[in-house]
Amino acid sequence: MFKHYTMNQVILPLDLEIKLQENDIAYAVNDVVESIPDEAFTGFLRKTGCPAYHPRMMMKVILCAYTQSVFSGRKIEGLLKDSVRMMWLAQGYEPSYR
């Protein structure tokens, strides 16, 4: 079971997409990860325990961090709180480095 995650849902009170430039790297990362078929992520699906973050969202966050030369889990967590592009890719979720 995964936590609910969708890129097509309107976010209130602020849609962060309007803050991104039209040629932002976040769009490229989003397009690449969205092109991966859903079957590639079914191996991560578990029926028990706490719902996990969707692997598609986690991949977007990690790839975007790598494009900015950020490799530390703690620094990626910081970017999720500070960077508009990372907030948009995570759709408001803030996964912890733990």
N, C-alpha and C. Protein backbone atom coordinates (compact mmCIF):
# COMPACT_ATOMS: atom_id res chain seq x y z
N MET A 1 0.85 -1.17 0.00
CA MET A 1 0.00 0.00 0.00
C MET A 1 0.90 1.24 0.00
N PHE A 2 0.56 2.23 -0.82
CA PHE A 2 1.30 3.49 -0.89
C PHE A 2 0.45 4.62 -0.33
N LYS A 3 1.10 5.67 0.16
CA LYS A 3 0.37 6.89 0.53
C LYS A 3 -0.15 7.52 -0.75
N HIS A 4 -1.28 8.18 -0.65
CA HIS A 4 -1.90 8.80 -1.82
C HIS A 4 -0.96 9.81 -2.45
N TYR A 5 -0.74 9.70 -3.77
CA TYR A 5 0.16 10.59 -4.50
C TYR A 5 -0.34 10.73 -5.92
N THR A 6 -0.63 11.97 -6.32
CA THR A 6 -1.05 12.21 -7.69
C THR A 6 -0.54 13.57 -8.14
N MET A 7 -0.09 13.65 -9.37
CA MET A 7 0.43 14.91 -9.91
C MET A 7 -0.68 15.74 -10.54
N ASN A 8 -1.86 15.18 -10.72
CA ASN A 8 -2.93 15.87 -11.42
C ASN A 8 -3.91 16.58 -10.48
N GLN A 9 -3.66 16.53 -9.19
CA GLN A 9 -4.55 17.14 -8.22
C GLN A 9 -4.16 18.60 -7.98
N VAL A 10 -5.14 19.47 -7.92
CA VAL A 10 -4.88 20.88 -7.64
C VAL A 10 -4.48 21.03 -6.18
N ILE A 11 -3.44 21.79 -5.94
CA ILE A 11 -2.94 21.98 -4.59
C ILE A 11 -3.41 23.34 -4.09
N LEU A 12 -4.00 23.34 -2.92
CA LEU A 12 -4.42 24.58 -2.30
C LEU A 12 -3.60 24.78 -1.04
N PRO A 13 -3.27 25.95 -0.64
CA PRO A 13 -3.68 27.23 -1.15
C PRO A 13 -2.82 27.77 -2.29
N LEU A 14 -1.69 27.10 -2.63
CA LEU A 14 -0.82 27.64 -3.66
C LEU A 14 -0.37 26.53 -4.59
N ASP A 15 -0.54 26.73 -5.87
CA ASP A 15 -0.04 25.78 -6.85
C ASP A 15 1.40 26.18 -7.17
N LEU A 16 2.35 25.40 -6.72
CA LEU A 16 3.76 25.74 -6.85
C LEU A 16 4.25 25.73 -8.29
N GLU A 17 3.50 25.09 -9.18
CA GLU A 17 3.91 25.02 -10.58
C GLU A 17 4.02 26.40 -11.21
N ILE A 18 3.21 27.35 -10.77
CA ILE A 18 3.26 28.68 -11.35
C ILE A 18 4.53 29.42 -10.98
N LYS A 19 5.22 28.95 -9.94
CA LYS A 19 6.47 29.59 -9.51
C LYS A 19 7.69 29.07 -10.28
N LEU A 20 7.54 27.98 -11.03
CA LEU A 20 8.65 27.41 -11.78
C LEU A 20 8.75 28.05 -13.16
N GLN A 21 9.97 28.22 -13.64
CA GLN A 21 10.17 28.72 -14.99
C GLN A 21 9.78 27.62 -15.98
N GLU A 22 9.44 28.00 -17.19
CA GLU A 22 8.94 27.01 -18.15
C GLU A 22 10.00 26.00 -18.58
N ASN A 23 11.28 26.31 -18.42
CA ASN A 23 12.34 25.37 -18.81
C ASN A 23 13.07 24.81 -17.58
N ASP A 24 12.39 24.74 -16.44
CA ASP A 24 13.00 24.25 -15.20
C ASP A 24 13.32 22.77 -15.31
N ILE A 25 14.40 22.34 -14.65
CA ILE A 25 14.83 20.95 -14.67
C ILE A 25 13.78 20.03 -14.06
N ALA A 26 12.94 20.55 -13.17
CA ALA A 26 11.91 19.75 -12.52
C ALA A 26 10.93 19.18 -13.55
N TYR A 27 10.63 19.92 -14.59
CA TYR A 27 9.74 19.41 -15.64
C TYR A 27 10.37 18.24 -16.38
N ALA A 28 11.66 18.32 -16.65
CA ALA A 28 12.35 17.23 -17.34
C ALA A 28 12.39 15.98 -16.47
N VAL A 29 12.70 16.17 -15.18
CA VAL A 29 12.72 15.03 -14.26
C VAL A 29 11.33 14.42 -14.16
N ASN A 30 10.31 15.25 -14.05
CA ASN A 30 8.94 14.76 -13.97
C ASN A 30 8.56 13.96 -15.21
N ASP A 31 8.89 14.48 -16.39
CA ASP A 31 8.54 13.78 -17.64
C ASP A 31 9.25 12.44 -17.76
N VAL A 32 10.53 12.39 -17.38
CA VAL A 32 11.29 11.14 -17.47
C VAL A 32 10.70 10.09 -16.54
N VAL A 33 10.43 10.45 -15.30
CA VAL A 33 9.92 9.47 -14.33
C VAL A 33 8.49 9.07 -14.67
N GLU A 34 7.69 10.00 -15.15
CA GLU A 34 6.31 9.65 -15.53
C GLU A 34 6.26 8.73 -16.74
N SER A 35 7.32 8.70 -17.55
CA SER A 35 7.34 7.83 -18.72
C SER A 35 7.64 6.37 -18.35
N ILE A 36 8.06 6.12 -17.12
CA ILE A 36 8.33 4.76 -16.66
C ILE A 36 6.99 4.06 -16.42
N PRO A 37 6.81 2.86 -16.97
CA PRO A 37 5.52 2.17 -16.78
C PRO A 37 5.26 1.81 -15.32
N ASP A 38 3.99 1.75 -14.95
CA ASP A 38 3.59 1.45 -13.57
C ASP A 38 4.09 0.08 -13.12
N GLU A 39 4.24 -0.85 -14.04
CA GLU A 39 4.68 -2.20 -13.70
C GLU A 39 6.07 -2.20 -13.06
N ALA A 40 6.88 -1.20 -13.37
CA ALA A 40 8.22 -1.12 -12.81
C ALA A 40 8.19 -0.86 -11.30
N PHE A 41 7.10 -0.32 -10.80
CA PHE A 41 7.01 0.03 -9.39
C PHE A 41 6.21 -0.99 -8.57
N THR A 42 5.61 -1.97 -9.20
CA THR A 42 4.77 -2.93 -8.46
C THR A 42 5.59 -3.81 -7.53
N GLY A 43 6.87 -3.98 -7.77
CA GLY A 43 7.70 -4.78 -6.88
C GLY A 43 7.89 -4.15 -5.52
N PHE A 44 7.65 -2.85 -5.41
CA PHE A 44 7.80 -2.15 -4.13
C PHE A 44 6.52 -2.16 -3.30
N LEU A 45 5.44 -2.66 -3.87
CA LEU A 45 4.13 -2.63 -3.21
C LEU A 45 4.07 -3.64 -2.07
N ARG A 46 3.62 -3.20 -0.89
CA ARG A 46 3.45 -4.05 0.28
C ARG A 46 2.03 -3.88 0.80
N LYS A 47 1.46 -4.96 1.28
CA LYS A 47 0.09 -4.94 1.80
C LYS A 47 0.02 -4.62 3.29
N THR A 48 1.12 -4.79 4.01
CA THR A 48 1.11 -4.59 5.45
C THR A 48 2.01 -3.43 5.84
N GLY A 49 1.86 -2.98 7.06
CA GLY A 49 2.71 -1.91 7.57
C GLY A 49 2.20 -0.54 7.19
N CYS A 50 2.97 0.45 7.58
CA CYS A 50 2.65 1.85 7.28
C CYS A 50 2.77 2.09 5.78
N PRO A 51 1.85 2.82 5.18
CA PRO A 51 1.97 3.10 3.75
C PRO A 51 3.27 3.84 3.43
N ALA A 52 3.92 3.40 2.39
CA ALA A 52 5.19 4.01 1.98
C ALA A 52 4.92 5.18 1.04
N TYR A 53 5.90 6.04 0.92
CA TYR A 53 5.81 7.07 -0.11
C TYR A 53 5.89 6.39 -1.46
N HIS A 54 5.22 6.96 -2.44
CA HIS A 54 5.21 6.33 -3.76
C HIS A 54 6.62 6.36 -4.34
N PRO A 55 7.09 5.23 -4.87
CA PRO A 55 8.44 5.18 -5.43
C PRO A 55 8.65 6.18 -6.58
N ARG A 56 7.60 6.49 -7.31
CA ARG A 56 7.70 7.46 -8.41
C ARG A 56 8.07 8.84 -7.85
N MET A 57 7.42 9.22 -6.75
CA MET A 57 7.72 10.51 -6.14
C MET A 57 9.13 10.53 -5.57
N MET A 58 9.52 9.45 -4.92
CA MET A 58 10.86 9.38 -4.34
C MET A 58 11.93 9.45 -5.43
N MET A 59 11.69 8.80 -6.56
CA MET A 59 12.64 8.84 -7.66
C MET A 59 12.77 10.26 -8.22
N LYS A 60 11.67 10.96 -8.33
CA LYS A 60 11.71 12.35 -8.82
C LYS A 60 12.53 13.23 -7.88
N VAL A 61 12.30 13.07 -6.58
CA VAL A 61 13.01 13.87 -5.59
C VAL A 61 14.51 13.59 -5.64
N ILE A 62 14.87 12.33 -5.70
CA ILE A 62 16.29 11.96 -5.71
C ILE A 62 16.96 12.43 -6.99
N LEU A 63 16.33 12.21 -8.14
CA LEU A 63 16.93 12.65 -9.41
C LEU A 63 17.10 14.16 -9.46
N CYS A 64 16.11 14.89 -8.97
CA CYS A 64 16.22 16.35 -8.98
C CYS A 64 17.33 16.80 -8.04
N ALA A 65 17.47 16.16 -6.90
CA ALA A 65 18.55 16.50 -5.98
C ALA A 65 19.90 16.21 -6.61
N TYR A 66 20.01 15.09 -7.31
CA TYR A 66 21.28 14.73 -7.97
C TYR A 66 21.64 15.74 -9.05
N THR A 67 20.65 16.32 -9.73
CA THR A 67 20.95 17.33 -10.75
C THR A 67 21.53 18.59 -10.12
N GLN A 68 21.30 18.77 -8.82
CA GLN A 68 21.82 19.93 -8.10
C GLN A 68 23.05 19.57 -7.27
N SER A 69 23.63 18.38 -7.52
CA SER A 69 24.81 17.87 -6.81
C SER A 69 24.58 17.75 -5.31
N VAL A 70 23.38 17.33 -4.94
CA VAL A 70 23.05 17.07 -3.55
C VAL A 70 22.86 15.57 -3.41
N PHE A 71 23.69 14.93 -2.57
CA PHE A 71 23.65 13.48 -2.44
C PHE A 71 23.34 13.02 -1.02
N SER A 72 23.36 13.91 -0.06
CA SER A 72 23.11 13.58 1.34
C SER A 72 21.61 13.55 1.62
N GLY A 73 21.18 12.54 2.36
CA GLY A 73 19.76 12.44 2.72
C GLY A 73 19.28 13.63 3.52
N ARG A 74 20.11 14.11 4.41
CA ARG A 74 19.72 15.27 5.23
C ARG A 74 19.60 16.53 4.38
N LYS A 75 20.50 16.69 3.42
CA LYS A 75 20.42 17.86 2.55
C LYS A 75 19.22 17.77 1.61
N ILE A 76 18.90 16.55 1.16
CA ILE A 76 17.71 16.37 0.32
C ILE A 76 16.46 16.72 1.12
N GLU A 77 16.42 16.31 2.38
CA GLU A 77 15.29 16.67 3.24
C GLU A 77 15.19 18.18 3.39
N GLY A 78 16.33 18.86 3.50
CA GLY A 78 16.33 20.32 3.58
C GLY A 78 15.81 20.96 2.31
N LEU A 79 16.20 20.40 1.16
CA LEU A 79 15.70 20.93 -0.11
C LEU A 79 14.18 20.79 -0.22
N LEU A 80 13.64 19.70 0.32
CA LEU A 80 12.19 19.50 0.27
C LEU A 80 11.44 20.57 1.04
N LYS A 81 12.11 21.22 1.97
CA LYS A 81 11.47 22.29 2.74
C LYS A 81 11.75 23.67 2.17
N ASP A 82 12.85 23.80 1.38
CA ASP A 82 13.28 25.11 0.91
C ASP A 82 13.09 25.35 -0.59
N SER A 83 13.19 24.32 -1.38
CA SER A 83 13.19 24.47 -2.83
C SER A 83 11.79 24.31 -3.41
N VAL A 84 11.36 25.28 -4.18
CA VAL A 84 10.03 25.23 -4.79
C VAL A 84 9.93 24.06 -5.75
N ARG A 85 10.98 23.80 -6.53
CA ARG A 85 10.92 22.68 -7.48
C ARG A 85 10.81 21.35 -6.75
N MET A 86 11.49 21.21 -5.62
CA MET A 86 11.40 19.96 -4.86
C MET A 86 10.03 19.82 -4.19
N MET A 87 9.49 20.94 -3.70
CA MET A 87 8.15 20.90 -3.11
C MET A 87 7.12 20.50 -4.15
N TRP A 88 7.28 21.00 -5.37
CA TRP A 88 6.34 20.66 -6.44
C TRP A 88 6.45 19.19 -6.81
N LEU A 89 7.65 18.68 -6.94
CA LEU A 89 7.82 17.27 -7.29
C LEU A 89 7.29 16.35 -6.20
N ALA A 90 7.44 16.73 -4.94
CA ALA A 90 6.97 15.90 -3.83
C ALA A 90 5.49 16.14 -3.53
N GLN A 91 4.90 17.16 -4.13
CA GLN A 91 3.48 17.49 -3.94
C GLN A 91 3.12 17.66 -2.46
N GLY A 92 4.00 18.36 -1.71
CA GLY A 92 3.71 18.69 -0.33
C GLY A 92 4.21 17.69 0.69
N TYR A 93 4.60 16.49 0.25
CA TYR A 93 5.15 15.52 1.20
C TYR A 93 6.57 15.92 1.56
N GLU A 94 6.98 15.61 2.78
CA GLU A 94 8.33 15.89 3.25
C GLU A 94 8.93 14.63 3.86
N PRO A 95 9.39 13.70 3.02
CA PRO A 95 10.00 12.50 3.56
C PRO A 95 11.24 12.83 4.39
N SER A 96 11.44 12.10 5.46
CA SER A 96 12.60 12.30 6.32
C SER A 96 13.77 11.47 5.82
N TYR A 97 14.98 11.87 6.13
CA TYR A 97 16.15 11.12 5.73
C TYR A 97 16.22 9.79 6.50
N ARG A 98 15.49 9.67 7.56
CA ARG A 98 15.48 8.45 8.36
C ARG A 98 14.61 7.45 7.70
